[in-house]
């Protein structure tokens, strides 16, 4: 076998440096249990208590998007005005959550929602002015069904 080709194969298989065993797959260990334990110890240091019954949390950003948590874990310390929210968060557009979050919107978010609605109306009016898009209309009735039935 060619020594250059053999050296290339050995270099591609070795994960660590010189002297480490060759392995075909690097196994990544999941450390979710230790992360959760570390988080719990830090929460104890902050003296926060768990808050039950929270179904969702929405954090409104300045760019008009919403950081949405479904069934988050919430801890709070009311005395120090500290809230800890953790779980799987998603970045969503304001329009995706509109029906359910209208009562949560503040003045800034209402302004961005108003601008979004105006831009939607302008785009909708602009599309009707350009092409008319009459594909959605019902076609005119050319002949009467009664007359066609009598002819048979």
Protein backbone atom coordinates (compact mmCIF):
# COMPACT_ATOMS: atom_id res chain seq x y z
CA UNK A 1 0.00 0.00 0.00
CA UNK A 2 1.13 3.55 -0.70
CA UNK A 3 2.62 5.15 2.50
CA UNK A 4 1.29 8.64 1.61
CA UNK A 5 -2.25 7.34 1.22
CA UNK A 6 -1.95 5.41 4.49
CA UNK A 7 -0.73 8.52 6.34
CA UNK A 8 -3.68 10.53 4.98
CA UNK A 9 -6.15 7.88 6.15
CA UNK A 10 -4.61 7.78 9.61
CA UNK A 11 -4.70 11.57 9.90
CA UNK A 12 -8.37 11.74 8.95
CA UNK A 13 -9.43 9.12 11.50
CA UNK A 14 -7.52 10.47 14.52
CA UNK A 15 -9.64 12.78 16.68
CA UNK A 16 -7.08 14.08 19.16
CA UNK A 17 -3.41 14.84 18.82
CA UNK A 18 -0.46 12.51 18.36
CA UNK A 19 -0.61 9.53 20.67
CA UNK A 20 -4.38 9.36 21.01
CA UNK A 21 -6.29 6.32 19.81
CA UNK A 22 -7.95 6.43 16.42
CA UNK A 23 -11.71 6.47 16.47
CA UNK A 24 -14.18 6.65 13.65
CA UNK A 25 -16.83 8.73 15.44
CA UNK A 26 -16.40 11.38 18.06
CA UNK A 27 -19.00 10.76 20.76
CA UNK A 28 -20.44 13.86 22.36
CA UNK A 29 -21.67 13.41 25.90
CA UNK A 30 -24.88 15.14 26.84
CA UNK A 31 -24.64 17.06 30.09
CA UNK A 32 -28.26 18.16 30.55
CA UNK A 33 -28.47 16.73 34.04
CA UNK A 34 -25.49 18.66 35.34
CA UNK A 35 -26.68 21.89 33.70
CA UNK A 36 -30.04 21.58 35.42
CA UNK A 37 -28.33 20.95 38.77
CA UNK A 38 -26.12 24.01 38.27
CA UNK A 39 -29.14 26.10 37.38
CA UNK A 40 -31.02 24.92 40.47
CA UNK A 41 -28.07 25.79 42.72
CA UNK A 42 -27.85 29.28 41.21
CA UNK A 43 -31.59 29.76 41.68
CA UNK A 44 -31.22 28.83 45.35
CA UNK A 45 -28.52 31.48 45.70
CA UNK A 46 -30.90 34.07 44.22
CA UNK A 47 -33.56 33.00 46.75
CA UNK A 48 -36.31 32.63 44.14
CA UNK A 49 -39.40 30.49 44.52
CA UNK A 50 -41.15 28.55 41.72
CA UNK A 51 -44.34 30.08 40.34
CA UNK A 52 -46.88 27.50 39.19
CA UNK A 53 -49.71 27.89 36.71
CA UNK A 54 -47.89 29.93 34.04
CA UNK A 55 -49.03 28.71 30.62
CA UNK A 56 -47.02 31.01 28.36
CA UNK A 57 -44.61 33.94 28.48
CA UNK A 58 -44.22 36.53 25.73
CA UNK A 59 -41.34 39.01 25.63
CA UNK A 60 -41.80 41.81 23.12
CA UNK A 61 -38.65 43.00 21.36
CA UNK A 62 -38.07 46.45 19.88
CA UNK A 63 -37.86 45.10 16.31
CA UNK A 64 -41.47 43.85 16.46
CA UNK A 65 -40.76 40.17 17.10
CA UNK A 66 -41.84 38.24 20.16
CA UNK A 67 -39.84 35.76 22.23
CA UNK A 68 -42.54 33.17 22.99
CA UNK A 69 -42.22 30.50 25.70
CA UNK A 70 -44.85 27.75 25.86
CA UNK A 71 -45.16 26.09 29.29
CA UNK A 72 -42.01 27.71 30.75
CA UNK A 73 -40.59 27.17 34.20
CA UNK A 74 -40.86 30.43 36.10
CA UNK A 75 -39.17 31.34 39.37
CA UNK A 76 -39.60 34.70 41.09
CA UNK A 77 -38.37 36.73 44.01
CA UNK A 78 -40.87 39.53 44.43
CA UNK A 79 -38.83 41.31 47.10
CA UNK A 80 -35.82 41.75 44.81
CA UNK A 81 -37.95 42.14 41.64
CA UNK A 82 -36.21 39.16 40.04
CA UNK A 83 -37.90 36.76 37.63
CA UNK A 84 -36.26 33.72 36.05
CA UNK A 85 -37.87 32.17 32.98
CA UNK A 86 -36.40 29.12 31.32
CA UNK A 87 -37.59 26.61 28.79
CA UNK A 88 -37.77 26.31 25.01
CA UNK A 89 -38.25 29.79 23.57
CA UNK A 90 -39.13 30.63 19.98
CA UNK A 91 -38.77 33.85 18.03
CA UNK A 92 -42.11 34.60 16.40
CA UNK A 93 -43.61 37.47 14.49
CA UNK A 94 -46.23 39.58 16.21
CA UNK A 95 -48.79 38.62 13.57
CA UNK A 96 -48.52 34.90 14.46
CA UNK A 97 -49.68 35.52 18.03
CA UNK A 98 -52.14 38.41 17.47
CA UNK A 99 -55.50 36.99 18.58
CA UNK A 100 -54.26 35.68 21.92
CA UNK A 101 -51.94 38.50 22.97
CA UNK A 102 -54.00 41.64 22.37
CA UNK A 103 -54.54 42.10 26.11
CA UNK A 104 -50.75 41.84 26.71
CA UNK A 105 -49.75 44.57 24.28
CA UNK A 106 -48.37 47.80 25.66
CA UNK A 107 -48.31 51.19 23.91
CA UNK A 108 -45.11 50.44 21.96
CA UNK A 109 -46.37 47.10 20.73
CA UNK A 110 -49.73 48.60 19.79
CA UNK A 111 -47.91 51.15 17.63
CA UNK A 112 -45.97 48.42 15.82
CA UNK A 113 -49.19 46.43 15.38
CA UNK A 114 -50.91 49.51 13.95
CA UNK A 115 -48.03 50.08 11.50
CA UNK A 116 -48.17 46.41 10.50
CA UNK A 117 -51.91 46.63 9.85
CA UNK A 118 -51.47 49.79 7.76
CA UNK A 119 -48.73 48.20 5.67
CA UNK A 120 -50.93 45.13 5.14
CA UNK A 121 -53.84 47.31 4.00
CA UNK A 122 -51.59 49.26 1.63
CA UNK A 123 -50.17 46.05 0.16
CA UNK A 124 -53.66 44.60 -0.23
CA UNK A 125 -54.97 47.78 -1.91
CA UNK A 126 -51.86 47.93 -4.10
CA UNK A 127 -52.39 44.36 -5.35
CA UNK A 128 -56.01 45.12 -6.29
CA UNK A 129 -55.03 48.33 -8.09
CA UNK A 130 -52.34 46.65 -10.20
CA UNK A 131 -53.92 43.47 -11.45
CA UNK A 132 -57.41 43.40 -10.14
CA UNK A 133 -57.07 39.67 -9.43
CA UNK A 134 -60.60 38.77 -10.48
CA UNK A 135 -59.81 35.07 -10.17
CA UNK A 136 -61.65 34.91 -6.86
CA UNK A 137 -64.91 36.29 -8.27
CA UNK A 138 -67.77 34.03 -9.30
CA UNK A 139 -68.15 33.87 -13.10
CA UNK A 140 -71.28 35.27 -14.70
CA UNK A 141 -74.08 32.82 -15.48
CA UNK A 142 -74.28 32.46 -19.26
CA UNK A 143 -77.49 30.48 -19.58
CA UNK A 144 -80.34 29.58 -17.30
CA UNK A 145 -80.52 26.08 -15.87
CA UNK A 146 -84.28 26.01 -16.36
CA UNK A 147 -83.97 26.68 -20.09
CA UNK A 148 -81.31 23.98 -20.49
CA UNK A 149 -83.52 21.48 -18.68
CA UNK A 150 -86.59 22.27 -20.82
CA UNK A 151 -84.58 21.74 -24.01
CA UNK A 152 -83.75 18.16 -23.02
